[in-house]
Amino acid sequence: FFGGVKVMIMQAEALVRRGHRVTIVSPQPRPDWYEFGAVRFEQAA
């Protein structure tokens, strides 16, 4: 739960609104404190 993570997700969502396919990739679980829109999340190495 950090502001920098929120900013990154907001960037990703805005890029999706512009027609791009955006995926957040992390070895850790999806943030449970943020309601994702159309941004994809992949938990993977």
All heavy atoms as atom14 arrays in JSON, in Angstrom:
{
  "sequence": "FFGGVKVMIMQAEALVRRGHRVTIVSPQPRPDWYEFGAVRFEQAA",
  "atom14_mask": [
    [1, 1, 1, 1, 1, 1, 1, 1, 1, 1, 1, 0, 0, 0],
    [1, 1, 1, 1, 1, 1, 1, 1, 1, 1, 1, 0, 0, 0],
    [1, 1, 1, 1, 0, 0, 0, 0, 0, 0, 0, 0, 0, 0],
    [1, 1, 1, 1, 0, 0, 0, 0, 0, 0, 0, 0, 0, 0],
    [1, 1, 1, 1, 1, 1, 1, 0, 0, 0, 0, 0, 0, 0],
    [1, 1, 1, 1, 1, 1, 1, 1, 1, 0, 0, 0, 0, 0],
    [1, 1, 1, 1, 1, 1, 1, 0, 0, 0, 0, 0, 0, 0],
    [1, 1, 1, 1, 1, 1, 1, 1, 0, 0, 0, 0, 0, 0],
    [1, 1, 1, 1, 1, 1, 1, 1, 0, 0, 0, 0, 0, 0],
    [1, 1, 1, 1, 1, 1, 1, 1, 0, 0, 0, 0, 0, 0],
    [1, 1, 1, 1, 1, 1, 1, 1, 1, 0, 0, 0, 0, 0],
    [1, 1, 1, 1, 1, 0, 0, 0, 0, 0, 0, 0, 0, 0],
    [1, 1, 1, 1, 1, 1, 1, 1, 1, 0, 0, 0, 0, 0],
    [1, 1, 1, 1, 1, 0, 0, 0, 0, 0, 0, 0, 0, 0],
    [1, 1, 1, 1, 1, 1, 1, 1, 0, 0, 0, 0, 0, 0],
    [1, 1, 1, 1, 1, 1, 1, 0, 0, 0, 0, 0, 0, 0],
    [1, 1, 1, 1, 1, 1, 1, 1, 1, 1, 1, 0, 0, 0],
    [1, 1, 1, 1, 1, 1, 1, 1, 1, 1, 1, 0, 0, 0],
    [1, 1, 1, 1, 0, 0, 0, 0, 0, 0, 0, 0, 0, 0],
    [1, 1, 1, 1, 1, 1, 1, 1, 1, 1, 0, 0, 0, 0],
    [1, 1, 1, 1, 1, 1, 1, 1, 1, 1, 1, 0, 0, 0],
    [1, 1, 1, 1, 1, 1, 1, 0, 0, 0, 0, 0, 0, 0],
    [1, 1, 1, 1, 1, 1, 1, 0, 0, 0, 0, 0, 0, 0],
    [1, 1, 1, 1, 1, 1, 1, 1, 0, 0, 0, 0, 0, 0],
    [1, 1, 1, 1, 1, 1, 1, 0, 0, 0, 0, 0, 0, 0],
    [1, 1, 1, 1, 1, 1, 0, 0, 0, 0, 0, 0, 0, 0],
    [1, 1, 1, 1, 1, 1, 1, 0, 0, 0, 0, 0, 0, 0],
    [1, 1, 1, 1, 1, 1, 1, 1, 1, 0, 0, 0, 0, 0],
    [1, 1, 1, 1, 1, 1, 1, 0, 0, 0, 0, 0, 0, 0],
    [1, 1, 1, 1, 1, 1, 1, 1, 1, 1, 1, 0, 0, 0],
    [1, 1, 1, 1, 1, 1, 1, 0, 0, 0, 0, 0, 0, 0],
    [1, 1, 1, 1, 1, 1, 1, 1, 0, 0, 0, 0, 0, 0],
    [1, 1, 1, 1, 1, 1, 1, 1, 1, 1, 1, 1, 1, 1],
    [1, 1, 1, 1, 1, 1, 1, 1, 1, 1, 1, 1, 0, 0],
    [1, 1, 1, 1, 1, 1, 1, 1, 1, 0, 0, 0, 0, 0],
    [1, 1, 1, 1, 1, 1, 1, 1, 1, 1, 1, 0, 0, 0],
    [1, 1, 1, 1, 0, 0, 0, 0, 0, 0, 0, 0, 0, 0],
    [1, 1, 1, 1, 1, 0, 0, 0, 0, 0, 0, 0, 0, 0],
    [1, 1, 1, 1, 1, 1, 1, 0, 0, 0, 0, 0, 0, 0],
    [1, 1, 1, 1, 1, 1, 1, 1, 1, 1, 1, 0, 0, 0],
    [1, 1, 1, 1, 1, 1, 1, 1, 1, 1, 1, 0, 0, 0],
    [1, 1, 1, 1, 1, 1, 1, 1, 1, 0, 0, 0, 0, 0],
    [1, 1, 1, 1, 1, 1, 1, 1, 1, 0, 0, 0, 0, 0],
    [1, 1, 1, 1, 1, 0, 0, 0, 0, 0, 0, 0, 0, 0],
    [1, 1, 1, 1, 1, 0, 0, 0, 0, 0, 0, 0, 0, 0]
  ],
  "atom14_positions": [
    [[0.84, -1.2, 0.0], [0.0, 0.0, 0.0], [0.88, 1.25, 0.0], [1.13, 1.86, 1.05], [-0.91, -0.05, 1.24], [-1.89, 1.08, 1.33], [-2.66, 1.44, 0.24], [-2.09, 1.77, 2.52], [-3.58, 2.47, 0.32], [-3.0, 2.8, 2.62], [-3.75, 3.15, 1.52], [0.0, 0.0, 0.0], [0.0, 0.0, 0.0], [0.0, 0.0, 0.0]],
    [[1.34, 1.64, -1.19], [2.17, 2.82, -1.34], [1.62, 3.69, -2.47], [1.06, 3.17, -3.45], [3.63, 2.47, -1.63], [4.35, 1.86, -0.47], [4.77, 0.54, -0.51], [4.62, 2.59, 0.68], [5.44, -0.03, 0.56], [5.29, 2.03, 1.76], [5.7, 0.72, 1.69], [0.0, 0.0, 0.0], [0.0, 0.0, 0.0], [0.0, 0.0, 0.0]],
    [[1.83, 5.01, -2.34], [1.35, 5.93, -3.36], [1.96, 5.67, -4.72], [1.3, 5.84, -5.75], [0.0, 0.0, 0.0], [0.0, 0.0, 0.0], [0.0, 0.0, 0.0], [0.0, 0.0, 0.0], [0.0, 0.0, 0.0], [0.0, 0.0, 0.0], [0.0, 0.0, 0.0], [0.0, 0.0, 0.0], [0.0, 0.0, 0.0], [0.0, 0.0, 0.0]],
    [[3.23, 5.26, -4.75], [3.88, 4.99, -6.03], [3.23, 3.85, -6.79], [3.18, 3.87, -8.03], [0.0, 0.0, 0.0], [0.0, 0.0, 0.0], [0.0, 0.0, 0.0], [0.0, 0.0, 0.0], [0.0, 0.0, 0.0], [0.0, 0.0, 0.0], [0.0, 0.0, 0.0], [0.0, 0.0, 0.0], [0.0, 0.0, 0.0], [0.0, 0.0, 0.0]],
    [[2.71, 2.86, -6.08], [2.0, 1.76, -6.73], [0.68, 2.28, -7.31], [0.3, 1.95, -8.44], [1.74, 0.6, -5.74], [0.96, -0.51, -6.41], [3.07, 0.07, -5.2], [0.0, 0.0, 0.0], [0.0, 0.0, 0.0], [0.0, 0.0, 0.0], [0.0, 0.0, 0.0], [0.0, 0.0, 0.0], [0.0, 0.0, 0.0], [0.0, 0.0, 0.0]],
    [[-0.02, 3.11, -6.55], [-1.27, 3.69, -7.03], [-1.04, 4.5, -8.3], [-1.81, 4.39, -9.27], [-1.88, 4.57, -5.94], [-3.17, 5.27, -6.36], [-3.69, 6.16, -5.24], [-4.93, 6.93, -5.67], [-5.42, 7.83, -4.6], [0.0, 0.0, 0.0], [0.0, 0.0, 0.0], [0.0, 0.0, 0.0], [0.0, 0.0, 0.0], [0.0, 0.0, 0.0]],
    [[0.03, 5.3, -8.33], [0.33, 6.12, -9.5], [0.57, 5.24, -10.72], [0.08, 5.51, -11.82], [1.55, 7.02, -9.22], [2.11, 7.6, -10.5], [1.16, 8.13, -8.25], [0.0, 0.0, 0.0], [0.0, 0.0, 0.0], [0.0, 0.0, 0.0], [0.0, 0.0, 0.0], [0.0, 0.0, 0.0], [0.0, 0.0, 0.0], [0.0, 0.0, 0.0]],
    [[1.32, 4.16, -10.55], [1.6, 3.25, -11.66], [0.32, 2.64, -12.21], [0.12, 2.55, -13.42], [2.55, 2.14, -11.19], [2.92, 1.15, -12.26], [3.2, -0.49, -11.57], [1.57, -0.9, -10.95], [0.0, 0.0, 0.0], [0.0, 0.0, 0.0], [0.0, 0.0, 0.0], [0.0, 0.0, 0.0], [0.0, 0.0, 0.0], [0.0, 0.0, 0.0]],
    [[-0.59, 2.22, -11.32], [-1.85, 1.62, -11.77], [-2.69, 2.67, -12.5], [-3.34, 2.37, -13.52], [-2.62, 1.03, -10.58], [-1.82, -0.09, -9.91], [-3.97, 0.49, -11.04], [-2.42, -0.6, -8.61], [0.0, 0.0, 0.0], [0.0, 0.0, 0.0], [0.0, 0.0, 0.0], [0.0, 0.0, 0.0], [0.0, 0.0, 0.0], [0.0, 0.0, 0.0]],
    [[-2.69, 3.91, -12.02], [-3.43, 4.97, -12.69], [-2.9, 5.22, -14.1], [-3.67, 5.42, -15.04], [-3.38, 6.25, -11.86], [-4.16, 6.16, -10.55], [-3.88, 7.6, -9.48], [-4.61, 8.9, -10.47], [0.0, 0.0, 0.0], [0.0, 0.0, 0.0], [0.0, 0.0, 0.0], [0.0, 0.0, 0.0], [0.0, 0.0, 0.0], [0.0, 0.0, 0.0]],
    [[-1.58, 5.19, -14.26], [-1.0, 5.3, -15.59], [-1.5, 4.17, -16.49], [-1.9, 4.39, -17.64], [0.53, 5.24, -15.52], [1.21, 6.47, -14.98], [2.73, 6.34, -15.08], [3.26, 5.41, -15.69], [3.44, 7.28, -14.47], [0.0, 0.0, 0.0], [0.0, 0.0, 0.0], [0.0, 0.0, 0.0], [0.0, 0.0, 0.0], [0.0, 0.0, 0.0]],
    [[-1.46, 2.96, -15.95], [-1.86, 1.8, -16.73], [-3.32, 1.9, -17.16], [-3.68, 1.62, -18.32], [-1.63, 0.52, -15.92], [0.0, 0.0, 0.0], [0.0, 0.0, 0.0], [0.0, 0.0, 0.0], [0.0, 0.0, 0.0], [0.0, 0.0, 0.0], [0.0, 0.0, 0.0], [0.0, 0.0, 0.0], [0.0, 0.0, 0.0], [0.0, 0.0, 0.0]],
    [[-4.19, 2.33, -16.26], [-5.6, 2.45, -16.6], [-5.82, 3.5, -17.68], [-6.65, 3.32, -18.58], [-6.41, 2.81, -15.35], [-6.55, 1.66, -14.36], [-7.4, 2.03, -13.16], [-7.57, 3.24, -12.9], [-7.9, 1.11, -12.5], [0.0, 0.0, 0.0], [0.0, 0.0, 0.0], [0.0, 0.0, 0.0], [0.0, 0.0, 0.0], [0.0, 0.0, 0.0]],
    [[-5.1, 4.61, -17.58], [-5.24, 5.66, -18.59], [-4.78, 5.19, -19.96], [-5.36, 5.55, -20.98], [-4.46, 6.91, -18.17], [0.0, 0.0, 0.0], [0.0, 0.0, 0.0], [0.0, 0.0, 0.0], [0.0, 0.0, 0.0], [0.0, 0.0, 0.0], [0.0, 0.0, 0.0], [0.0, 0.0, 0.0], [0.0, 0.0, 0.0], [0.0, 0.0, 0.0]],
    [[-3.74, 4.38, -20.0], [-3.27, 3.82, -21.28], [-4.29, 2.85, -21.86], [-4.49, 2.79, -23.07], [-1.92, 3.14, -21.08], [-0.75, 4.09, -20.85], [0.46, 3.33, -20.31], [-0.38, 4.81, -22.16], [0.0, 0.0, 0.0], [0.0, 0.0, 0.0], [0.0, 0.0, 0.0], [0.0, 0.0, 0.0], [0.0, 0.0, 0.0], [0.0, 0.0, 0.0]],
    [[-4.97, 2.09, -21.0], [-6.03, 1.2, -21.48], [-7.16, 2.03, -22.1], [-7.71, 1.68, -23.16], [-6.56, 0.31, -20.33], [-7.86, -0.39, -20.75], [-5.52, -0.72, -19.94], [0.0, 0.0, 0.0], [0.0, 0.0, 0.0], [0.0, 0.0, 0.0], [0.0, 0.0, 0.0], [0.0, 0.0, 0.0], [0.0, 0.0, 0.0], [0.0, 0.0, 0.0]],
    [[-7.5, 3.14, -21.46], [-8.55, 4.01, -22.01], [-8.18, 4.53, -23.39], [-9.06, 4.86, -24.19], [-8.83, 5.18, -21.06], [-9.5, 4.79, -19.76], [-10.09, 5.99, -19.05], [-9.09, 6.93, -18.59], [-8.5, 6.88, -17.4], [-8.79, 5.91, -16.55], [-7.61, 7.8, -17.04], [0.0, 0.0, 0.0], [0.0, 0.0, 0.0], [0.0, 0.0, 0.0]],
    [[-6.89, 4.61, -23.68], [-6.43, 5.06, -24.99], [-6.28, 3.91, -25.97], [-5.73, 4.08, -27.06], [-5.11, 5.84, -24.84], [-5.28, 7.14, -24.06], [-3.98, 7.92, -23.97], [-3.56, 8.43, -25.27], [-4.03, 9.52, -25.85], [-5.0, 10.22, -25.27], [-3.59, 9.91, -27.03], [0.0, 0.0, 0.0], [0.0, 0.0, 0.0], [0.0, 0.0, 0.0]],
    [[-6.74, 2.73, -25.59], [-6.81, 1.63, -26.55], [-5.7, 0.61, -26.45], [-5.65, -0.32, -27.25], [0.0, 0.0, 0.0], [0.0, 0.0, 0.0], [0.0, 0.0, 0.0], [0.0, 0.0, 0.0], [0.0, 0.0, 0.0], [0.0, 0.0, 0.0], [0.0, 0.0, 0.0], [0.0, 0.0, 0.0], [0.0, 0.0, 0.0], [0.0, 0.0, 0.0]],
    [[-4.79, 0.75, -25.47], [-3.67, -0.17, -25.36], [-4.01, -1.34, -24.44], [-4.92, -1.25, -23.6], [-2.43, 0.56, -24.84], [-2.05, 1.74, -25.69], [-1.51, 1.61, -26.94], [-2.16, 3.08, -25.46], [-1.28, 2.81, -27.47], [-1.68, 3.71, -26.58], [0.0, 0.0, 0.0], [0.0, 0.0, 0.0], [0.0, 0.0, 0.0], [0.0, 0.0, 0.0]],
    [[-3.28, -2.43, -24.6], [-3.43, -3.58, -23.71], [-2.3, -3.51, -22.69], [-1.13, -3.6, -23.04], [-3.35, -4.88, -24.5], [-3.36, -6.12, -23.62], [-3.47, -7.37, -24.47], [-3.31, -8.57, -23.66], [-3.79, -9.75, -24.0], [-4.45, -9.91, -25.14], [-3.61, -10.8, -23.22], [0.0, 0.0, 0.0], [0.0, 0.0, 0.0], [0.0, 0.0, 0.0]],
    [[-2.66, -3.3, -21.43], [-1.67, -3.1, -20.38], [-1.8, -4.2, -19.34], [-2.9, -4.48, -18.85], [-1.82, -1.72, -19.72], [-0.68, -1.49, -18.72], [-1.84, -0.62, -20.77], [0.0, 0.0, 0.0], [0.0, 0.0, 0.0], [0.0, 0.0, 0.0], [0.0, 0.0, 0.0], [0.0, 0.0, 0.0], [0.0, 0.0, 0.0], [0.0, 0.0, 0.0]],
    [[-0.66, -4.79, -18.99], [-0.62, -5.83, -17.97], [0.4, -5.46, -16.91], [1.52, -5.06, -17.24], [-0.24, -7.2, -18.56], [-1.13, -7.51, -19.63], [-0.3, -8.3, -17.5], [0.0, 0.0, 0.0], [0.0, 0.0, 0.0], [0.0, 0.0, 0.0], [0.0, 0.0, 0.0], [0.0, 0.0, 0.0], [0.0, 0.0, 0.0], [0.0, 0.0, 0.0]],
    [[0.0, -5.55, -15.67], [0.93, -5.39, -14.56], [1.42, -6.78, -14.18], [0.61, -7.67, -13.9], [0.27, -4.71, -13.37], [-0.13, -3.28, -13.76], [1.18, -4.69, -12.14], [-0.99, -2.57, -12.74], [0.0, 0.0, 0.0], [0.0, 0.0, 0.0], [0.0, 0.0, 0.0], [0.0, 0.0, 0.0], [0.0, 0.0, 0.0], [0.0, 0.0, 0.0]],
    [[2.72, -6.97, -14.2], [3.32, -8.27, -13.93], [4.07, -8.2, -12.6], [4.9, -7.3, -12.4], [4.3, -8.68, -15.05], [4.91, -10.05, -14.75], [3.59, -8.7, -16.4], [0.0, 0.0, 0.0], [0.0, 0.0, 0.0], [0.0, 0.0, 0.0], [0.0, 0.0, 0.0], [0.0, 0.0, 0.0], [0.0, 0.0, 0.0], [0.0, 0.0, 0.0]],
    [[3.78, -9.11, -11.71], [4.45, -9.14, -10.41], [4.55, -10.56, -9.9], [3.63, -11.36, -10.1], [3.68, -8.29, -9.4], [4.29, -8.36, -8.12], [0.0, 0.0, 0.0], [0.0, 0.0, 0.0], [0.0, 0.0, 0.0], [0.0, 0.0, 0.0], [0.0, 0.0, 0.0], [0.0, 0.0, 0.0], [0.0, 0.0, 0.0], [0.0, 0.0, 0.0]],
    [[5.66, -10.9, -9.23], [5.74, -12.2, -8.57], [4.87, -12.27, -7.32], [4.68, -13.35, -6.76], [7.23, -12.33, -8.24], [7.72, -10.93, -8.13], [6.92, -10.14, -9.12], [0.0, 0.0, 0.0], [0.0, 0.0, 0.0], [0.0, 0.0, 0.0], [0.0, 0.0, 0.0], [0.0, 0.0, 0.0], [0.0, 0.0, 0.0], [0.0, 0.0, 0.0]],
    [[4.36, -11.12, -6.86], [3.54, -11.05, -5.66], [2.07, -10.93, -6.04], [1.72, -10.57, -7.16], [3.97, -9.85, -4.81], [5.42, -9.9, -4.37], [5.72, -11.11, -3.52], [4.93, -11.48, -2.65], [6.87, -11.74, -3.76], [0.0, 0.0, 0.0], [0.0, 0.0, 0.0], [0.0, 0.0, 0.0], [0.0, 0.0, 0.0], [0.0, 0.0, 0.0]],
    [[1.15, -11.21, -5.1], [-0.27, -11.15, -5.41], [-0.74, -9.75, -5.81], [-0.12, -8.74, -5.5], [-0.94, -11.6, -4.1], [0.1, -12.37, -3.37], [1.4, -11.73, -3.73], [0.0, 0.0, 0.0], [0.0, 0.0, 0.0], [0.0, 0.0, 0.0], [0.0, 0.0, 0.0], [0.0, 0.0, 0.0], [0.0, 0.0, 0.0], [0.0, 0.0, 0.0]],
    [[-1.87, -9.72, -6.48], [-2.52, -8.48, -6.89], [-2.81, -7.6, -5.65], [-3.24, -8.12, -4.62], [-3.85, -8.82, -7.57], [-4.75, -7.65, -7.88], [-6.16, -8.14, -8.16], [-6.2, -9.03, -9.3], [-6.63, -8.68, -10.51], [-7.05, -7.45, -10.72], [-6.65, -9.54, -11.49], [0.0, 0.0, 0.0], [0.0, 0.0, 0.0], [0.0, 0.0, 0.0]],
    [[-2.57, -6.29, -5.73], [-2.92, -5.42, -4.61], [-4.4, -5.56, -4.26], [-5.26, -5.45, -5.14], [-2.6, -4.02, -5.14], [-1.59, -4.24, -6.23], [-1.94, -5.56, -6.84], [0.0, 0.0, 0.0], [0.0, 0.0, 0.0], [0.0, 0.0, 0.0], [0.0, 0.0, 0.0], [0.0, 0.0, 0.0], [0.0, 0.0, 0.0], [0.0, 0.0, 0.0]],
    [[-4.69, -5.78, -2.99], [-6.07, -5.96, -2.58], [-6.73, -4.68, -2.1], [-7.89, -4.67, -1.7], [-6.17, -7.03, -1.48], [-5.38, -6.66, -0.22], [-4.8, -5.56, -0.18], [-5.33, -7.49, 0.71], [0.0, 0.0, 0.0], [0.0, 0.0, 0.0], [0.0, 0.0, 0.0], [0.0, 0.0, 0.0], [0.0, 0.0, 0.0], [0.0, 0.0, 0.0]],
    [[-5.99, -3.57, -2.16], [-6.5, -2.3, -1.68], [-6.93, -1.38, -2.82], [-7.37, -0.25, -2.59], [-5.44, -1.59, -0.84], [-4.09, -1.51, -1.48], [-3.06, -2.39, -1.34], [-3.61, -0.52, -2.4], [-1.97, -2.0, -2.1], [-2.29, -0.85, -2.75], [-4.18, 0.63, -2.95], [-1.54, -0.09, -3.64], [-3.44, 1.39, -3.82], [-2.12, 1.02, -4.15]],
    [[-6.8, -1.85, -4.06], [-7.11, -1.01, -5.22], [-8.09, -1.75, -6.13], [-7.89, -2.93, -6.43], [-5.84, -0.66, -5.99], [-6.02, 0.45, -7.01], [-5.76, 1.77, -6.67], [-6.45, 0.17, -8.3], [-5.93, 2.79, -7.59], [-6.62, 1.19, -9.23], [-6.36, 2.5, -8.87], [-6.54, 3.51, -9.77], [0.0, 0.0, 0.0], [0.0, 0.0, 0.0]],
    [[-9.13, -1.06, -6.58], [-10.12, -1.65, -7.47], [-9.65, -1.49, -8.91], [-9.69, -0.4, -9.47], [-11.48, -0.96, -7.27], [-12.62, -1.63, -8.03], [-12.95, -3.0, -7.5], [-12.83, -3.21, -6.28], [-13.33, -3.87, -8.32], [0.0, 0.0, 0.0], [0.0, 0.0, 0.0], [0.0, 0.0, 0.0], [0.0, 0.0, 0.0], [0.0, 0.0, 0.0]],
    [[-9.18, -2.57, -9.51], [-8.67, -2.52, -10.87], [-9.82, -2.3, -11.85], [-10.94, -2.79, -11.67], [-7.95, -3.83, -11.23], [-6.54, -3.89, -10.74], [-6.27, -4.06, -9.39], [-5.48, -3.77, -11.61], [-4.98, -4.12, -8.93], [-4.17, -3.82, -11.16], [-3.92, -4.0, -9.81], [0.0, 0.0, 0.0], [0.0, 0.0, 0.0], [0.0, 0.0, 0.0]],
    [[-9.52, -1.58, -12.93], [-10.46, -1.44, -14.03], [-10.16, -2.49, -15.09], [-10.22, -3.69, -14.84], [0.0, 0.0, 0.0], [0.0, 0.0, 0.0], [0.0, 0.0, 0.0], [0.0, 0.0, 0.0], [0.0, 0.0, 0.0], [0.0, 0.0, 0.0], [0.0, 0.0, 0.0], [0.0, 0.0, 0.0], [0.0, 0.0, 0.0], [0.0, 0.0, 0.0]],
    [[-9.79, -2.01, -16.28], [-9.53, -2.92, -17.4], [-8.07, -3.35, -17.48], [-7.68, -4.06, -18.41], [-9.96, -2.26, -18.71], [0.0, 0.0, 0.0], [0.0, 0.0, 0.0], [0.0, 0.0, 0.0], [0.0, 0.0, 0.0], [0.0, 0.0, 0.0], [0.0, 0.0, 0.0], [0.0, 0.0, 0.0], [0.0, 0.0, 0.0], [0.0, 0.0, 0.0]],
    [[-7.25, -2.91, -16.56], [-5.84, -3.31, -16.55], [-5.74, -4.78, -16.15], [-6.39, -5.23, -15.2], [-5.03, -2.44, -15.58], [-3.59, -2.91, -15.5], [-5.1, -0.98, -15.99], [0.0, 0.0, 0.0], [0.0, 0.0, 0.0], [0.0, 0.0, 0.0], [0.0, 0.0, 0.0], [0.0, 0.0, 0.0], [0.0, 0.0, 0.0], [0.0, 0.0, 0.0]],
    [[-4.93, -5.52, -16.87], [-4.73, -6.93, -16.55], [-3.65, -7.07, -15.47], [-2.77, -6.22, -15.37], [-4.3, -7.71, -17.8], [-5.31, -7.64, -18.94], [-4.7, -8.11, -20.25], [-5.62, -7.9, -21.35], [-6.42, -8.84, -21.85], [-6.38, -10.07, -21.33], [-7.22, -8.59, -22.85], [0.0, 0.0, 0.0], [0.0, 0.0, 0.0], [0.0, 0.0, 0.0]],
    [[-3.74, -8.13, -14.71], [-2.72, -8.42, -13.7], [-2.29, -9.87, -13.86], [-3.12, -10.78, -13.93], [-3.26, -8.19, -12.29], [-2.2, -8.32, -11.22], [-1.47, -7.22, -10.81], [-1.91, -9.56, -10.66], [-0.49, -7.34, -9.83], [-0.93, -9.69, -9.69], [-0.21, -8.57, -9.27], [0.0, 0.0, 0.0], [0.0, 0.0, 0.0], [0.0, 0.0, 0.0]],
    [[-0.98, -10.07, -13.93], [-0.43, -11.42, -14.05], [0.54, -11.65, -12.9], [1.56, -10.97, -12.8], [0.31, -11.6, -15.38], [0.88, -13.0, -15.55], [1.78, -13.13, -16.77], [2.23, -12.09, -17.31], [2.04, -14.27, -17.19], [0.0, 0.0, 0.0], [0.0, 0.0, 0.0], [0.0, 0.0, 0.0], [0.0, 0.0, 0.0], [0.0, 0.0, 0.0]],
    [[0.21, -12.59, -12.04], [1.15, -12.97, -10.99], [2.03, -14.08, -11.52], [1.58, -15.2, -11.75], [0.42, -13.44, -9.73], [1.38, -13.76, -8.57], [0.67, -14.22, -7.32], [-0.56, -14.13, -7.21], [1.42, -14.71, -6.35], [0.0, 0.0, 0.0], [0.0, 0.0, 0.0], [0.0, 0.0, 0.0], [0.0, 0.0, 0.0], [0.0, 0.0, 0.0]],
    [[3.29, -13.74, -11.74], [4.22, -14.7, -12.32], [5.64, -14.23, -12.09], [5.9, -13.03, -11.94], [3.97, -14.85, -13.83], [0.0, 0.0, 0.0], [0.0, 0.0, 0.0], [0.0, 0.0, 0.0], [0.0, 0.0, 0.0], [0.0, 0.0, 0.0], [0.0, 0.0, 0.0], [0.0, 0.0, 0.0], [0.0, 0.0, 0.0], [0.0, 0.0, 0.0]],
    [[6.56, -15.19, -12.06], [7.98, -14.82, -12.08], [8.24, -14.11, -13.41], [7.68, -14.49, -14.44], [8.85, -16.06, -11.95], [0.0, 0.0, 0.0], [0.0, 0.0, 0.0], [0.0, 0.0, 0.0], [0.0, 0.0, 0.0], [0.0, 0.0, 0.0], [0.0, 0.0, 0.0], [0.0, 0.0, 0.0], [0.0, 0.0, 0.0], [0.0, 0.0, 0.0]]
  ]
}
